Amino acid sequence: MSFEKLSLKGRALKYLAAREHSRVELRRKLQPHEEEAGQIEALLDELEAAGWLSAERFVESVLHRKAARFGTARLRHELQGHGLPAEAVADAVGRLQASELERARAVWQRKFGAPAADAAGRAKQMRFLATRGFSGEVVRRVVQGGDED
């Protein structure tokens, strides 16, 4: 059966079989294929009730795929953009903050490997880590190389 002839539910299950999706993301992908108003919301409710669509699994999926490369702020922003429940985002952020320094050091090590020789080099390293979503304090500690915990 071609992807073009799939029912709305079939299409949703095909997306979910590939990877976890948030409710907002799945709604956006299915929107062009909705034939009558309210059809997508009813389907999403059905998928959640059946356990096919889960905010908790989606959060874990995002953290598993991206936590090693990005800081807490960037991941929080991404999770909030998916319209997830506030408690799920807060729980994820709490877990991420505990490992942020180690994750930032690993990202810095992969990218740079050695302390910068001058102020311009340190600034470049700090900007890189900041754009990855690491907090200012963590960025400072990593780039200055102090506090090896």
C-alpha atoms as a PDB file:
ATOM      1  CA  MET A   1       0.000   0.000   0.000  1.00  0.00           C
ATOM      2  CA  SER A   2       1.443   3.361  -0.948  1.00  0.00           C
ATOM      3  CA  PHE A   3       1.891   6.076   1.641  1.00  0.00           C
ATOM      4  CA  GLU A   4      -0.529   8.301  -0.312  1.00  0.00           C
ATOM      5  CA  LYS A   5      -3.496   5.946   0.243  1.00  0.00           C
ATOM      6  CA  LEU A   6      -3.011   5.394   3.977  1.00  0.00           C
ATOM      7  CA  SER A   7      -5.805   6.288   6.355  1.00  0.00           C
ATOM      8  CA  LEU A   8      -5.137   9.037   8.867  1.00  0.00           C
ATOM      9  CA  LYS A   9      -4.569   6.430  11.582  1.00  0.00           C
ATOM     10  CA  GLY A  10      -2.305   4.378   9.335  1.00  0.00           C
ATOM     11  CA  ARG A  11      -0.272   7.464   8.540  1.00  0.00           C
ATOM     12  CA  ALA A  12       0.011   8.341  12.246  1.00  0.00           C
ATOM     13  CA  LEU A  13       1.132   4.820  13.130  1.00  0.00           C
ATOM     14  CA  LYS A  14       3.706   4.913  10.338  1.00  0.00           C
ATOM     15  CA  TYR A  15       5.167   8.126  11.771  1.00  0.00           C
ATOM     16  CA  LEU A  16       5.161   6.685  15.298  1.00  0.00           C
ATOM     17  CA  ALA A  17       6.824   3.479  14.135  1.00  0.00           C
ATOM     18  CA  ALA A  18       9.763   5.492  12.827  1.00  0.00           C
ATOM     19  CA  ARG A  19      10.324   7.443  16.090  1.00  0.00           C
ATOM     20  CA  GLU A  20       8.503   9.019  19.007  1.00  0.00           C
ATOM     21  CA  HIS A  21       6.533  12.166  18.200  1.00  0.00           C
ATOM     22  CA  SER A  22       4.933  14.793  20.403  1.00  0.00           C
ATOM     23  CA  ARG A  23       1.228  15.445  20.078  1.00  0.00           C
ATOM     24  CA  VAL A  24       1.919  18.869  18.526  1.00  0.00           C
ATOM     25  CA  GLU A  25       4.385  17.426  16.008  1.00  0.00           C
ATOM     26  CA  LEU A  26       2.080  14.588  14.974  1.00  0.00           C
ATOM     27  CA  ARG A  27      -0.869  16.979  14.643  1.00  0.00           C
ATOM     28  CA  ARG A  28       1.226  19.220  12.356  1.00  0.00           C
ATOM     29  CA  LYS A  29       2.227  16.267  10.161  1.00  0.00           C
ATOM     30  CA  LEU A  30      -1.326  14.943   9.891  1.00  0.00           C
ATOM     31  CA  GLN A  31      -3.032  18.325   9.350  1.00  0.00           C
ATOM     32  CA  PRO A  32      -2.810  18.292   5.535  1.00  0.00           C
ATOM     33  CA  HIS A  33      -4.550  14.897   5.465  1.00  0.00           C
ATOM     34  CA  GLU A  34      -7.512  15.706   7.734  1.00  0.00           C
ATOM     35  CA  GLU A  35     -10.792  15.200   5.939  1.00  0.00           C
ATOM     36  CA  GLU A  36     -13.227  16.475   8.572  1.00  0.00           C
ATOM     37  CA  ALA A  37     -12.807  18.862  11.507  1.00  0.00           C
ATOM     38  CA  GLY A  38     -11.882  17.235  14.801  1.00  0.00           C
ATOM     39  CA  GLN A  39     -10.699  14.024  13.175  1.00  0.00           C
ATOM     40  CA  ILE A  40      -7.059  14.527  14.181  1.00  0.00           C
ATOM     41  CA  GLU A  41      -7.818  15.388  17.813  1.00  0.00           C
ATOM     42  CA  ALA A  42      -9.981  12.297  18.169  1.00  0.00           C
ATOM     43  CA  LEU A  43      -7.241  10.162  16.621  1.00  0.00           C
ATOM     44  CA  LEU A  44      -4.565  11.660  18.901  1.00  0.00           C
ATOM     45  CA  ASP A  45      -6.762  10.986  21.948  1.00  0.00           C
ATOM     46  CA  GLU A  46      -7.224   7.393  20.768  1.00  0.00           C
ATOM     47  CA  LEU A  47      -3.480   6.921  20.224  1.00  0.00           C
ATOM     48  CA  GLU A  48      -2.701   8.301  23.692  1.00  0.00           C
ATOM     49  CA  ALA A  49      -5.291   6.058  25.314  1.00  0.00           C
ATOM     50  CA  ALA A  50      -3.814   3.032  23.524  1.00  0.00           C
ATOM     51  CA  GLY A  51      -0.290   3.969  24.604  1.00  0.00           C
ATOM     52  CA  TRP A  52       1.005   4.644  21.081  1.00  0.00           C
ATOM     53  CA  LEU A  53       1.531   8.340  21.778  1.00  0.00           C
ATOM     54  CA  SER A  54       3.300   9.261  25.017  1.00  0.00           C
ATOM     55  CA  ALA A  55       4.716  12.588  26.200  1.00  0.00           C
ATOM     56  CA  GLU A  56       7.034  10.778  28.632  1.00  0.00           C
ATOM     57  CA  ARG A  57       8.491   8.548  25.920  1.00  0.00           C
ATOM     58  CA  PHE A  58       8.907  11.544  23.637  1.00  0.00           C
ATOM     59  CA  VAL A  59      10.855  13.419  26.343  1.00  0.00           C
ATOM     60  CA  GLU A  60      13.097  10.393  26.909  1.00  0.00           C
ATOM     61  CA  SER A  61      13.625  10.055  23.159  1.00  0.00           C
ATOM     62  CA  VAL A  62      14.686  13.694  22.785  1.00  0.00           C
ATOM     63  CA  LEU A  63      17.015  13.459  25.778  1.00  0.00           C
ATOM     64  CA  HIS A  64      18.544  10.233  24.503  1.00  0.00           C
ATOM     65  CA  ARG A  65      19.171  11.695  21.050  1.00  0.00           C
ATOM     66  CA  LYS A  66      20.335  15.175  22.019  1.00  0.00           C
ATOM     67  CA  ALA A  67      21.539  15.451  25.630  1.00  0.00           C
ATOM     68  CA  ALA A  68      25.121  14.552  24.747  1.00  0.00           C
ATOM     69  CA  ARG A  69      25.330  17.478  22.301  1.00  0.00           C
ATOM     70  CA  PHE A  70      23.236  20.246  23.854  1.00  0.00           C
ATOM     71  CA  GLY A  71      22.827  22.112  27.117  1.00  0.00           C
ATOM     72  CA  THR A  72      19.852  22.254  29.419  1.00  0.00           C
ATOM     73  CA  ALA A  73      18.554  25.597  28.140  1.00  0.00           C
ATOM     74  CA  ARG A  74      18.418  24.475  24.523  1.00  0.00           C
ATOM     75  CA  LEU A  75      16.748  21.172  25.381  1.00  0.00           C
ATOM     76  CA  ARG A  76      14.217  22.915  27.653  1.00  0.00           C
ATOM     77  CA  HIS A  77      13.347  25.290  24.814  1.00  0.00           C
ATOM     78  CA  GLU A  78      12.902  22.401  22.377  1.00  0.00           C
ATOM     79  CA  LEU A  79      10.694  20.422  24.769  1.00  0.00           C
ATOM     80  CA  GLN A  80       8.550  23.467  25.546  1.00  0.00           C
ATOM     81  CA  GLY A  81       8.145  24.070  21.814  1.00  0.00           C
ATOM     82  CA  HIS A  82       6.488  20.672  21.508  1.00  0.00           C
ATOM     83  CA  GLY A  83       3.713  21.663  23.901  1.00  0.00           C
ATOM     84  CA  LEU A  84       4.582  19.023  26.481  1.00  0.00           C
ATOM     85  CA  PRO A  85       3.151  19.066  30.003  1.00  0.00           C
ATOM     86  CA  ALA A  86       5.069  21.472  32.264  1.00  0.00           C
ATOM     87  CA  GLU A  87       5.821  18.736  34.809  1.00  0.00           C
ATOM     88  CA  ALA A  88       7.412  16.500  32.165  1.00  0.00           C
ATOM     89  CA  VAL A  89       9.658  19.364  31.016  1.00  0.00           C
ATOM     90  CA  ALA A  90      10.545  20.333  34.602  1.00  0.00           C
ATOM     91  CA  ASP A  91      11.470  16.739  35.454  1.00  0.00           C
ATOM     92  CA  ALA A  92      13.668  16.453  32.359  1.00  0.00           C
ATOM     93  CA  VAL A  93      15.384  19.775  33.107  1.00  0.00           C
ATOM     94  CA  GLY A  94      16.082  18.669  36.672  1.00  0.00           C
ATOM     95  CA  ARG A  95      17.772  15.510  35.446  1.00  0.00           C
ATOM     96  CA  LEU A  96      19.751  17.412  32.812  1.00  0.00           C
ATOM     97  CA  GLN A  97      21.089  20.019  35.232  1.00  0.00           C
ATOM     98  CA  ALA A  98      22.775  17.336  37.307  1.00  0.00           C
ATOM     99  CA  SER A  99      24.951  16.324  34.362  1.00  0.00           C
ATOM    100  CA  GLU A 100      25.362  19.640  32.533  1.00  0.00           C
ATOM    101  CA  LEU A 101      28.983  20.261  33.542  1.00  0.00           C
ATOM    102  CA  GLU A 102      30.094  16.790  32.433  1.00  0.00           C
ATOM    103  CA  ARG A 103      28.158  17.048  29.170  1.00  0.00           C
ATOM    104  CA  ALA A 104      29.622  20.493  28.442  1.00  0.00           C
ATOM    105  CA  ARG A 105      33.134  19.204  29.094  1.00  0.00           C
ATOM    106  CA  ALA A 106      32.566  16.306  26.710  1.00  0.00           C
ATOM    107  CA  VAL A 107      31.228  18.609  23.964  1.00  0.00           C
ATOM    108  CA  TRP A 108      34.151  21.018  24.493  1.00  0.00           C
ATOM    109  CA  GLN A 109      36.674  18.151  24.408  1.00  0.00           C
ATOM    110  CA  ARG A 110      35.269  16.774  21.146  1.00  0.00           C
ATOM    111  CA  LYS A 111      35.248  20.191  19.491  1.00  0.00           C
ATOM    112  CA  PHE A 112      38.412  21.826  20.815  1.00  0.00           C
ATOM    113  CA  GLY A 113      40.448  19.327  22.832  1.00  0.00           C
ATOM    114  CA  ALA A 114      42.762  21.921  24.357  1.00  0.00           C
ATOM    115  CA  PRO A 115      42.470  25.255  26.166  1.00  0.00           C
ATOM    116  CA  ALA A 116      42.588  28.334  23.965  1.00  0.00           C
ATOM    117  CA  ALA A 117      45.899  30.169  23.734  1.00  0.00           C
ATOM    118  CA  ASP A 118      44.410  33.661  23.927  1.00  0.00           C
ATOM    119  CA  ALA A 119      41.325  35.651  24.899  1.00  0.00           C
ATOM    120  CA  ALA A 120      39.886  35.509  21.381  1.00  0.00           C
ATOM    121  CA  GLY A 121      40.144  31.720  21.384  1.00  0.00           C
ATOM    122  CA  ARG A 122      38.478  31.486  24.790  1.00  0.00           C
ATOM    123  CA  ALA A 123      35.685  33.771  23.594  1.00  0.00           C
ATOM    124  CA  LYS A 124      35.143  31.539  20.553  1.00  0.00           C
ATOM    125  CA  GLN A 125      34.956  28.450  22.764  1.00  0.00           C
ATOM    126  CA  MET A 126      32.554  30.183  25.146  1.00  0.00           C
ATOM    127  CA  ARG A 127      30.284  31.301  22.293  1.00  0.00           C
ATOM    128  CA  PHE A 128      30.234  27.767  20.916  1.00  0.00           C
ATOM    129  CA  LEU A 129      29.148  26.260  24.244  1.00  0.00           C
ATOM    130  CA  ALA A 130      26.642  29.054  24.882  1.00  0.00           C
ATOM    131  CA  THR A 131      24.968  28.496  21.502  1.00  0.00           C
ATOM    132  CA  ARG A 132      24.679  24.822  22.408  1.00  0.00           C
ATOM    133  CA  GLY A 133      22.530  25.870  25.387  1.00  0.00           C
ATOM    134  CA  PHE A 134      24.944  25.454  28.286  1.00  0.00           C
ATOM    135  CA  SER A 135      24.619  27.902  31.192  1.00  0.00           C
ATOM    136  CA  GLY A 136      27.055  30.775  31.590  1.00  0.00           C
ATOM    137  CA  GLU A 137      28.538  29.365  34.783  1.00  0.00           C
ATOM    138  CA  VAL A 138      29.122  25.957  33.213  1.00  0.00           C
ATOM    139  CA  VAL A 139      30.635  27.533  30.098  1.00  0.00           C
ATOM    140  CA  ARG A 140      33.011  29.595  32.229  1.00  0.00           C
ATOM    141  CA  ARG A 141      34.107  26.598  34.282  1.00  0.00           C
ATOM    142  CA  VAL A 142      34.713  24.435  31.216  1.00  0.00           C
ATOM    143  CA  VAL A 143      36.625  27.007  29.176  1.00  0.00           C
ATOM    144  CA  GLN A 144      38.746  28.222  32.059  1.00  0.00           C
ATOM    145  CA  GLY A 145      39.570  24.615  32.858  1.00  0.00           C
ATOM    146  CA  GLY A 146      39.249  25.027  36.611  1.00  0.00           C
ATOM    147  CA  ASP A 147      37.229  22.992  39.064  1.00  0.00           C
ATOM    148  CA  GLU A 148      37.980  19.612  37.528  1.00  0.00           C
ATOM    149  CA  ASP A 149      35.340  17.650  39.431  1.00  0.00           C
END
